[in-house]
Amino acid sequence: MEINWLAVVIASVSMFFIGALWFMPQTFYNVWMTAQGRKIPTERVEMSAGSTALMFGGTFIATLVQAVTLAIIITLTHTVDPTIGAFGGAAVGALLGFGIGAAASFSHRQFGQSNHRQFDAVWVWLIEIGQDVVSLTVAGAIIGAWV
């Protein structure tokens, strides 16, 4: 099995940037924070260098792990169906996003909702898994196109 590592890195970077766009104040950040029962910061939040590195570095490593896992699954699928391509890769990414990511995180979000407003937890979950599904779909298309 040969993985296209350039495709994996590009897919990972795309996932990182989709997440950044998804959680901008102009997109879903304010709704996401409010639904969690958290206050939206009005001033710049100061973080230590270690916290910043953990937040952004850890997030990038997580997208890299997801992209590698997706590449393994798409590459294995390619051995069964050599015509998988970008569309098939996108379908695999979406399936994993919905079927595993979204389903697994639902109970986490329900039990982790600090203000015990469970319908708000559904909004938080939809925003979070929406980003996951879109990211995995795009990453799957990238990897599938280059498999």
N, C-alpha and C. Protein backbone atom coordinates (compact mmCIF):
# COMPACT_ATOMS: atom_id res chain seq x y z
N MET A 1 0.85 -1.17 0.00
CA MET A 1 0.00 0.00 0.00
C MET A 1 0.90 1.24 0.00
N GLU A 2 0.68 2.11 -0.96
CA GLU A 2 1.44 3.36 -1.05
C GLU A 2 0.53 4.55 -0.81
N ILE A 3 0.91 5.33 0.17
CA ILE A 3 0.15 6.53 0.50
C ILE A 3 0.82 7.73 -0.16
N ASN A 4 0.02 8.60 -0.73
CA ASN A 4 0.54 9.84 -1.32
C ASN A 4 0.65 10.87 -0.19
N TRP A 5 1.87 11.03 0.34
CA TRP A 5 2.08 11.89 1.50
C TRP A 5 1.86 13.37 1.20
N LEU A 6 2.12 13.77 -0.03
CA LEU A 6 1.83 15.16 -0.39
C LEU A 6 0.33 15.43 -0.29
N ALA A 7 -0.47 14.49 -0.77
CA ALA A 7 -1.92 14.63 -0.67
C ALA A 7 -2.36 14.66 0.79
N VAL A 8 -1.73 13.86 1.63
CA VAL A 8 -2.06 13.84 3.05
C VAL A 8 -1.77 15.20 3.69
N VAL A 9 -0.61 15.77 3.40
CA VAL A 9 -0.25 17.06 3.98
C VAL A 9 -1.19 18.16 3.48
N ILE A 10 -1.48 18.16 2.19
CA ILE A 10 -2.40 19.17 1.64
C ILE A 10 -3.80 19.00 2.23
N ALA A 11 -4.25 17.76 2.37
CA ALA A 11 -5.56 17.50 2.97
C ALA A 11 -5.58 17.98 4.42
N SER A 12 -4.50 17.74 5.15
CA SER A 12 -4.42 18.17 6.54
C SER A 12 -4.45 19.69 6.65
N VAL A 13 -3.70 20.36 5.81
CA VAL A 13 -3.70 21.83 5.81
C VAL A 13 -5.09 22.36 5.46
N SER A 14 -5.75 21.72 4.50
CA SER A 14 -7.10 22.17 4.14
C SER A 14 -8.06 22.02 5.32
N MET A 15 -7.93 20.93 6.06
CA MET A 15 -8.78 20.71 7.23
C MET A 15 -8.54 21.79 8.29
N PHE A 16 -7.27 22.12 8.50
CA PHE A 16 -6.91 23.15 9.47
C PHE A 16 -7.54 24.50 9.09
N PHE A 17 -7.44 24.85 7.82
CA PHE A 17 -7.98 26.14 7.37
C PHE A 17 -9.50 26.15 7.34
N ILE A 18 -10.13 25.03 7.01
CA ILE A 18 -11.60 24.97 7.08
C ILE A 18 -12.04 25.21 8.51
N GLY A 19 -11.35 24.59 9.47
CA GLY A 19 -11.68 24.81 10.88
C GLY A 19 -11.52 26.27 11.28
N ALA A 20 -10.44 26.89 10.80
CA ALA A 20 -10.22 28.31 11.12
C ALA A 20 -11.34 29.18 10.55
N LEU A 21 -11.74 28.91 9.32
CA LEU A 21 -12.83 29.67 8.70
C LEU A 21 -14.16 29.39 9.39
N TRP A 22 -14.39 28.15 9.75
CA TRP A 22 -15.65 27.72 10.35
C TRP A 22 -15.91 28.43 11.68
N PHE A 23 -14.84 28.61 12.45
CA PHE A 23 -14.99 29.17 13.79
C PHE A 23 -14.57 30.63 13.89
N MET A 24 -14.63 31.35 12.78
CA MET A 24 -14.40 32.80 12.81
C MET A 24 -15.63 33.50 13.40
N PRO A 25 -15.45 34.67 14.00
CA PRO A 25 -16.62 35.41 14.50
C PRO A 25 -17.65 35.71 13.41
N GLN A 26 -17.22 35.81 12.15
CA GLN A 26 -18.13 36.10 11.05
C GLN A 26 -18.91 34.86 10.62
N THR A 27 -18.53 33.69 11.09
CA THR A 27 -19.24 32.47 10.70
C THR A 27 -19.97 31.88 11.91
N PHE A 28 -19.42 30.85 12.55
CA PHE A 28 -20.17 30.14 13.59
C PHE A 28 -19.68 30.38 15.01
N TYR A 29 -18.60 31.11 15.20
CA TYR A 29 -18.00 31.25 16.53
C TYR A 29 -18.98 31.78 17.56
N ASN A 30 -19.65 32.88 17.26
CA ASN A 30 -20.54 33.52 18.24
C ASN A 30 -21.71 32.61 18.62
N VAL A 31 -22.32 31.97 17.64
CA VAL A 31 -23.43 31.05 17.92
C VAL A 31 -22.94 29.87 18.75
N TRP A 32 -21.78 29.35 18.38
CA TRP A 32 -21.17 28.21 19.07
C TRP A 32 -20.90 28.54 20.54
N MET A 33 -20.29 29.70 20.78
CA MET A 33 -19.98 30.10 22.15
C MET A 33 -21.25 30.32 22.97
N THR A 34 -22.21 31.01 22.40
CA THR A 34 -23.46 31.30 23.09
C THR A 34 -24.21 30.02 23.42
N ALA A 35 -24.26 29.09 22.48
CA ALA A 35 -24.97 27.83 22.72
C ALA A 35 -24.29 26.99 23.82
N GLN A 36 -23.00 27.21 24.02
CA GLN A 36 -22.31 26.51 25.11
C GLN A 36 -22.54 27.18 26.46
N GLY A 37 -23.17 28.35 26.44
CA GLY A 37 -23.38 29.09 27.67
C GLY A 37 -22.15 29.87 28.09
N ARG A 38 -21.27 30.14 27.13
CA ARG A 38 -20.03 30.88 27.41
C ARG A 38 -20.17 32.31 26.90
N LYS A 39 -19.44 33.20 27.54
CA LYS A 39 -19.43 34.59 27.10
C LYS A 39 -18.46 34.75 25.94
N ILE A 40 -18.84 35.59 25.00
CA ILE A 40 -17.98 35.90 23.87
C ILE A 40 -16.97 36.94 24.34
N PRO A 41 -15.68 36.64 24.24
CA PRO A 41 -14.69 37.62 24.71
C PRO A 41 -14.80 38.92 23.92
N THR A 42 -14.74 40.03 24.63
CA THR A 42 -14.77 41.34 23.97
C THR A 42 -13.36 41.92 23.85
N GLU A 43 -12.42 41.33 24.57
CA GLU A 43 -11.02 41.76 24.49
C GLU A 43 -10.17 40.57 24.05
N ARG A 44 -9.01 40.87 23.56
CA ARG A 44 -8.08 39.82 23.12
C ARG A 44 -7.72 38.94 24.31
N VAL A 45 -7.81 37.64 24.12
CA VAL A 45 -7.46 36.68 25.16
C VAL A 45 -5.96 36.43 25.10
N GLU A 46 -5.29 36.64 26.21
CA GLU A 46 -3.85 36.41 26.29
C GLU A 46 -3.61 34.96 26.72
N MET A 47 -2.79 34.27 25.95
CA MET A 47 -2.46 32.88 26.27
C MET A 47 -0.95 32.73 26.33
N SER A 48 -0.49 31.78 27.13
CA SER A 48 0.94 31.52 27.19
C SER A 48 1.38 30.89 25.87
N ALA A 49 2.67 30.94 25.61
CA ALA A 49 3.21 30.33 24.39
C ALA A 49 2.92 28.84 24.37
N GLY A 50 3.02 28.20 25.52
CA GLY A 50 2.75 26.77 25.60
C GLY A 50 1.29 26.43 25.28
N SER A 51 0.38 27.24 25.81
CA SER A 51 -1.04 27.03 25.54
C SER A 51 -1.37 27.24 24.07
N THR A 52 -0.77 28.28 23.49
CA THR A 52 -0.99 28.56 22.07
C THR A 52 -0.44 27.43 21.21
N ALA A 53 0.76 26.97 21.54
CA ALA A 53 1.35 25.86 20.79
C ALA A 53 0.51 24.60 20.91
N LEU A 54 0.01 24.33 22.11
CA LEU A 54 -0.83 23.15 22.30
C LEU A 54 -2.13 23.27 21.51
N MET A 55 -2.75 24.45 21.55
CA MET A 55 -4.01 24.64 20.85
C MET A 55 -3.85 24.48 19.34
N PHE A 56 -2.92 25.24 18.76
CA PHE A 56 -2.78 25.23 17.30
C PHE A 56 -1.95 24.04 16.81
N GLY A 57 -0.87 23.74 17.51
CA GLY A 57 -0.06 22.58 17.13
C GLY A 57 -0.82 21.28 17.30
N GLY A 58 -1.52 21.17 18.42
CA GLY A 58 -2.32 19.97 18.67
C GLY A 58 -3.43 19.81 17.65
N THR A 59 -4.05 20.92 17.29
CA THR A 59 -5.10 20.87 16.28
C THR A 59 -4.55 20.43 14.93
N PHE A 60 -3.36 20.96 14.56
CA PHE A 60 -2.78 20.54 13.28
C PHE A 60 -2.39 19.06 13.31
N ILE A 61 -1.82 18.61 14.40
CA ILE A 61 -1.46 17.18 14.51
C ILE A 61 -2.72 16.32 14.41
N ALA A 62 -3.80 16.76 15.03
CA ALA A 62 -5.06 16.02 14.95
C ALA A 62 -5.57 15.94 13.50
N THR A 63 -5.45 17.05 12.75
CA THR A 63 -5.88 16.99 11.35
C THR A 63 -4.96 16.09 10.54
N LEU A 64 -3.70 16.06 10.89
CA LEU A 64 -2.75 15.17 10.21
C LEU A 64 -3.09 13.71 10.47
N VAL A 65 -3.42 13.38 11.71
CA VAL A 65 -3.83 12.01 12.05
C VAL A 65 -5.10 11.63 11.28
N GLN A 66 -6.05 12.55 11.21
CA GLN A 66 -7.28 12.28 10.47
C GLN A 66 -6.98 12.06 8.98
N ALA A 67 -6.11 12.89 8.41
CA ALA A 67 -5.78 12.77 6.99
C ALA A 67 -5.04 11.47 6.70
N VAL A 68 -4.13 11.07 7.59
CA VAL A 68 -3.43 9.79 7.40
C VAL A 68 -4.41 8.63 7.48
N THR A 69 -5.29 8.66 8.46
CA THR A 69 -6.30 7.60 8.60
C THR A 69 -7.19 7.55 7.36
N LEU A 70 -7.61 8.70 6.90
CA LEU A 70 -8.44 8.77 5.70
C LEU A 70 -7.68 8.25 4.48
N ALA A 71 -6.40 8.58 4.38
CA ALA A 71 -5.58 8.10 3.26
C ALA A 71 -5.45 6.58 3.28
N ILE A 72 -5.29 6.01 4.46
CA ILE A 72 -5.19 4.55 4.57
C ILE A 72 -6.49 3.91 4.09
N ILE A 73 -7.61 4.42 4.54
CA ILE A 73 -8.91 3.85 4.15
C ILE A 73 -9.16 4.04 2.65
N ILE A 74 -8.87 5.22 2.12
CA ILE A 74 -9.08 5.46 0.69
C ILE A 74 -8.12 4.62 -0.14
N THR A 75 -6.89 4.49 0.29
CA THR A 75 -5.92 3.66 -0.45
C THR A 75 -6.34 2.20 -0.44
N LEU A 76 -6.83 1.71 0.69
CA LEU A 76 -7.34 0.33 0.75
C LEU A 76 -8.57 0.17 -0.15
N THR A 77 -9.42 1.17 -0.15
CA THR A 77 -10.60 1.14 -1.02
C THR A 77 -10.19 1.14 -2.48
N HIS A 78 -9.13 1.86 -2.78
CA HIS A 78 -8.61 1.93 -4.16
C HIS A 78 -8.17 0.56 -4.66
N THR A 79 -7.70 -0.30 -3.77
CA THR A 79 -7.31 -1.66 -4.19
C THR A 79 -8.52 -2.47 -4.64
N VAL A 80 -9.67 -2.17 -4.08
CA VAL A 80 -10.90 -2.86 -4.46
C VAL A 80 -11.55 -2.18 -5.66
N ASP A 81 -11.53 -0.86 -5.67
CA ASP A 81 -12.13 -0.08 -6.75
C ASP A 81 -11.15 0.99 -7.22
N PRO A 82 -10.35 0.67 -8.24
CA PRO A 82 -9.33 1.62 -8.72
C PRO A 82 -9.90 2.92 -9.29
N THR A 83 -11.20 3.02 -9.48
CA THR A 83 -11.81 4.22 -10.04
C THR A 83 -12.32 5.17 -8.96
N ILE A 84 -11.91 5.00 -7.73
CA ILE A 84 -12.48 5.77 -6.61
C ILE A 84 -12.40 7.28 -6.85
N GLY A 85 -11.29 7.84 -7.20
CA GLY A 85 -11.15 9.26 -7.55
C GLY A 85 -11.59 10.22 -6.47
N ALA A 86 -11.71 11.47 -6.86
CA ALA A 86 -12.06 12.55 -5.93
C ALA A 86 -13.46 12.38 -5.36
N PHE A 87 -14.42 12.03 -6.20
CA PHE A 87 -15.80 11.89 -5.73
C PHE A 87 -15.91 10.75 -4.72
N GLY A 88 -15.29 9.63 -5.03
CA GLY A 88 -15.32 8.49 -4.10
C GLY A 88 -14.60 8.82 -2.81
N GLY A 89 -13.46 9.53 -2.91
CA GLY A 89 -12.74 9.94 -1.71
C GLY A 89 -13.58 10.87 -0.85
N ALA A 90 -14.28 11.80 -1.49
CA ALA A 90 -15.17 12.70 -0.76
C ALA A 90 -16.28 11.92 -0.06
N ALA A 91 -16.81 10.91 -0.75
CA ALA A 91 -17.86 10.08 -0.16
C ALA A 91 -17.34 9.32 1.06
N VAL A 92 -16.13 8.80 0.98
CA VAL A 92 -15.53 8.10 2.12
C VAL A 92 -15.35 9.08 3.29
N GLY A 93 -14.83 10.27 3.00
CA GLY A 93 -14.65 11.27 4.04
C GLY A 93 -15.97 11.66 4.70
N ALA A 94 -16.99 11.89 3.89
CA ALA A 94 -18.30 12.26 4.43
C ALA A 94 -18.89 11.12 5.26
N LEU A 95 -18.75 9.91 4.78
CA LEU A 95 -19.27 8.75 5.50
C LEU A 95 -18.60 8.62 6.87
N LEU A 96 -17.28 8.77 6.90
CA LEU A 96 -16.57 8.70 8.18
C LEU A 96 -16.97 9.86 9.09
N GLY A 97 -17.15 11.05 8.50
CA GLY A 97 -17.56 12.21 9.29
C GLY A 97 -18.92 12.02 9.93
N PHE A 98 -19.88 11.56 9.13
CA PHE A 98 -21.24 11.34 9.65
C PHE A 98 -21.30 10.09 10.52
N GLY A 99 -20.83 9.00 9.96
CA GLY A 99 -21.05 7.70 10.59
C GLY A 99 -20.22 7.43 11.83
N ILE A 100 -19.04 8.00 11.89
CA ILE A 100 -18.19 7.75 13.06
C ILE A 100 -18.03 9.03 13.87
N GLY A 101 -17.56 10.10 13.24
CA GLY A 101 -17.31 11.34 13.97
C GLY A 101 -18.55 11.91 14.62
N ALA A 102 -19.59 12.12 13.83
CA ALA A 102 -20.81 12.75 14.35
C ALA A 102 -21.51 11.85 15.36
N ALA A 103 -21.60 10.58 15.03
CA ALA A 103 -22.30 9.66 15.93
C ALA A 103 -21.57 9.51 17.26
N ALA A 104 -20.24 9.45 17.21
CA ALA A 104 -19.46 9.28 18.44
C ALA A 104 -19.51 10.52 19.32
N SER A 105 -19.54 11.69 18.71
CA SER A 105 -19.45 12.91 19.51
C SER A 105 -20.80 13.38 20.08
N PHE A 106 -21.91 12.81 19.63
CA PHE A 106 -23.21 13.28 20.10
C PHE A 106 -23.35 13.14 21.62
N SER A 107 -23.05 11.96 22.14
CA SER A 107 -23.20 11.77 23.59
C SER A 107 -22.19 12.61 24.37
N HIS A 108 -20.99 12.79 23.82
CA HIS A 108 -20.00 13.64 24.50
C HIS A 108 -20.55 15.04 24.68
N ARG A 109 -21.15 15.56 23.61
CA ARG A 109 -21.68 16.91 23.66
C ARG A 109 -22.87 16.99 24.60
N GLN A 110 -23.74 15.98 24.60
CA GLN A 110 -24.91 16.00 25.47
C GLN A 110 -24.50 15.98 26.95
N PHE A 111 -23.58 15.10 27.29
CA PHE A 111 -23.17 14.98 28.69
C PHE A 111 -22.18 16.06 29.10
N GLY A 112 -21.53 16.70 28.14
CA GLY A 112 -20.54 17.73 28.45
C GLY A 112 -21.09 19.15 28.45
N GLN A 113 -22.36 19.31 28.18
CA GLN A 113 -22.95 20.65 28.12
C GLN A 113 -23.01 21.23 29.53
N SER A 114 -22.22 22.27 29.77
CA SER A 114 -22.06 22.80 31.13
C SER A 114 -23.33 23.46 31.68
N ASN A 115 -24.15 24.02 30.82
CA ASN A 115 -25.33 24.71 31.33
C ASN A 115 -26.59 23.83 31.33
N HIS A 116 -26.43 22.56 30.99
CA HIS A 116 -27.51 21.56 31.01
C HIS A 116 -28.70 21.93 30.12
N ARG A 117 -28.44 22.70 29.10
CA ARG A 117 -29.48 23.04 28.12
C ARG A 117 -29.22 22.13 26.91
N GLN A 118 -29.89 20.99 26.90
CA GLN A 118 -29.58 19.94 25.94
C GLN A 118 -29.89 20.31 24.49
N PHE A 119 -30.87 21.17 24.26
CA PHE A 119 -31.14 21.58 22.89
C PHE A 119 -30.05 22.54 22.38
N ASP A 120 -29.48 23.32 23.30
CA ASP A 120 -28.31 24.11 22.95
C ASP A 120 -27.15 23.18 22.59
N ALA A 121 -27.04 22.09 23.32
CA ALA A 121 -25.98 21.12 23.05
C ALA A 121 -26.10 20.55 21.63
N VAL A 122 -27.32 20.42 21.16
CA VAL A 122 -27.52 19.94 19.78
C VAL A 122 -26.98 20.97 18.79
N TRP A 123 -27.21 22.27 19.04
CA TRP A 123 -26.66 23.32 18.17
C TRP A 123 -25.13 23.28 18.17
N VAL A 124 -24.55 23.14 19.35
CA VAL A 124 -23.09 23.06 19.45
C VAL A 124 -22.59 21.86 18.66
N TRP A 125 -23.25 20.73 18.83
CA TRP A 125 -22.88 19.50 18.14
C TRP A 125 -22.99 19.67 16.62
N LEU A 126 -24.07 20.27 16.16
CA LEU A 126 -24.24 20.47 14.72
C LEU A 126 -23.14 21.37 14.14
N ILE A 127 -22.79 22.41 14.86
CA ILE A 127 -21.71 23.30 14.39
C ILE A 127 -20.39 22.54 14.36
N GLU A 128 -20.10 21.81 15.43
CA GLU A 128 -18.82 21.09 15.51
C GLU A 128 -18.73 19.97 14.47
N ILE A 129 -19.77 19.17 14.36
CA ILE A 129 -19.68 18.06 13.40
C ILE A 129 -19.82 18.55 11.97
N GLY A 130 -20.48 19.68 11.79
CA GLY A 130 -20.56 20.26 10.45
C GLY A 130 -19.17 20.54 9.92
N GLN A 131 -18.34 21.13 10.77
CA GLN A 131 -16.96 21.41 10.38
C GLN A 131 -16.20 20.11 10.14
N ASP A 132 -16.41 19.12 10.98
CA ASP A 132 -15.74 17.83 10.79
C ASP A 132 -16.12 17.17 9.48
N VAL A 133 -17.41 17.15 9.18
CA VAL A 133 -17.89 16.50 7.96
C VAL A 133 -17.38 17.23 6.72
N VAL A 134 -17.47 18.55 6.73
CA VAL A 134 -16.97 19.32 5.58
C VAL A 134 -15.46 19.09 5.40
N SER A 135 -14.72 19.15 6.50
CA SER A 135 -13.26 18.95 6.43
C SER A 135 -12.90 17.57 5.90
N LEU A 136 -13.55 16.54 6.43
CA LEU A 136 -13.25 15.18 5.99
C LEU A 136 -13.67 14.95 4.54
N THR A 137 -14.76 15.58 4.12
CA THR A 137 -15.21 15.45 2.74
C THR A 137 -14.20 16.09 1.78
N VAL A 138 -13.74 17.29 2.11
CA VAL A 138 -12.75 17.96 1.28
C VAL A 138 -11.43 17.19 1.29
N ALA A 139 -11.00 16.76 2.46
CA ALA A 139 -9.75 15.98 2.56
C ALA A 139 -9.87 14.69 1.77
N GLY A 140 -11.01 14.03 1.85
CA GLY A 140 -11.23 12.80 1.09
C GLY A 140 -11.16 13.04 -0.40
N ALA A 141 -11.71 14.16 -0.86
CA ALA A 141 -11.65 14.49 -2.28
C ALA A 141 -10.20 14.71 -2.73
N ILE A 142 -9.44 15.41 -1.91
CA ILE A 142 -8.02 15.66 -2.24
C ILE A 142 -7.25 14.34 -2.31
N ILE A 143 -7.40 13.53 -1.29
CA ILE A 143 -6.67 12.26 -1.25
C ILE A 143 -7.15 11.33 -2.35
N GLY A 144 -8.47 11.26 -2.55
CA GLY A 144 -9.02 10.40 -3.59
C GLY A 144 -8.56 10.80 -4.98
N ALA A 145 -8.40 12.08 -5.22
CA ALA A 145 -7.93 12.56 -6.53
C ALA A 145 -6.50 12.15 -6.82
N TRP A 146 -5.72 11.95 -5.74
CA TRP A 146 -4.29 11.65 -5.92
C TRP A 146 -3.93 10.22 -5.56
N VAL A 147 -4.91 9.39 -5.33
CA VAL A 147 -4.59 8.00 -4.94
C VAL A 147 -4.13 7.21 -6.16
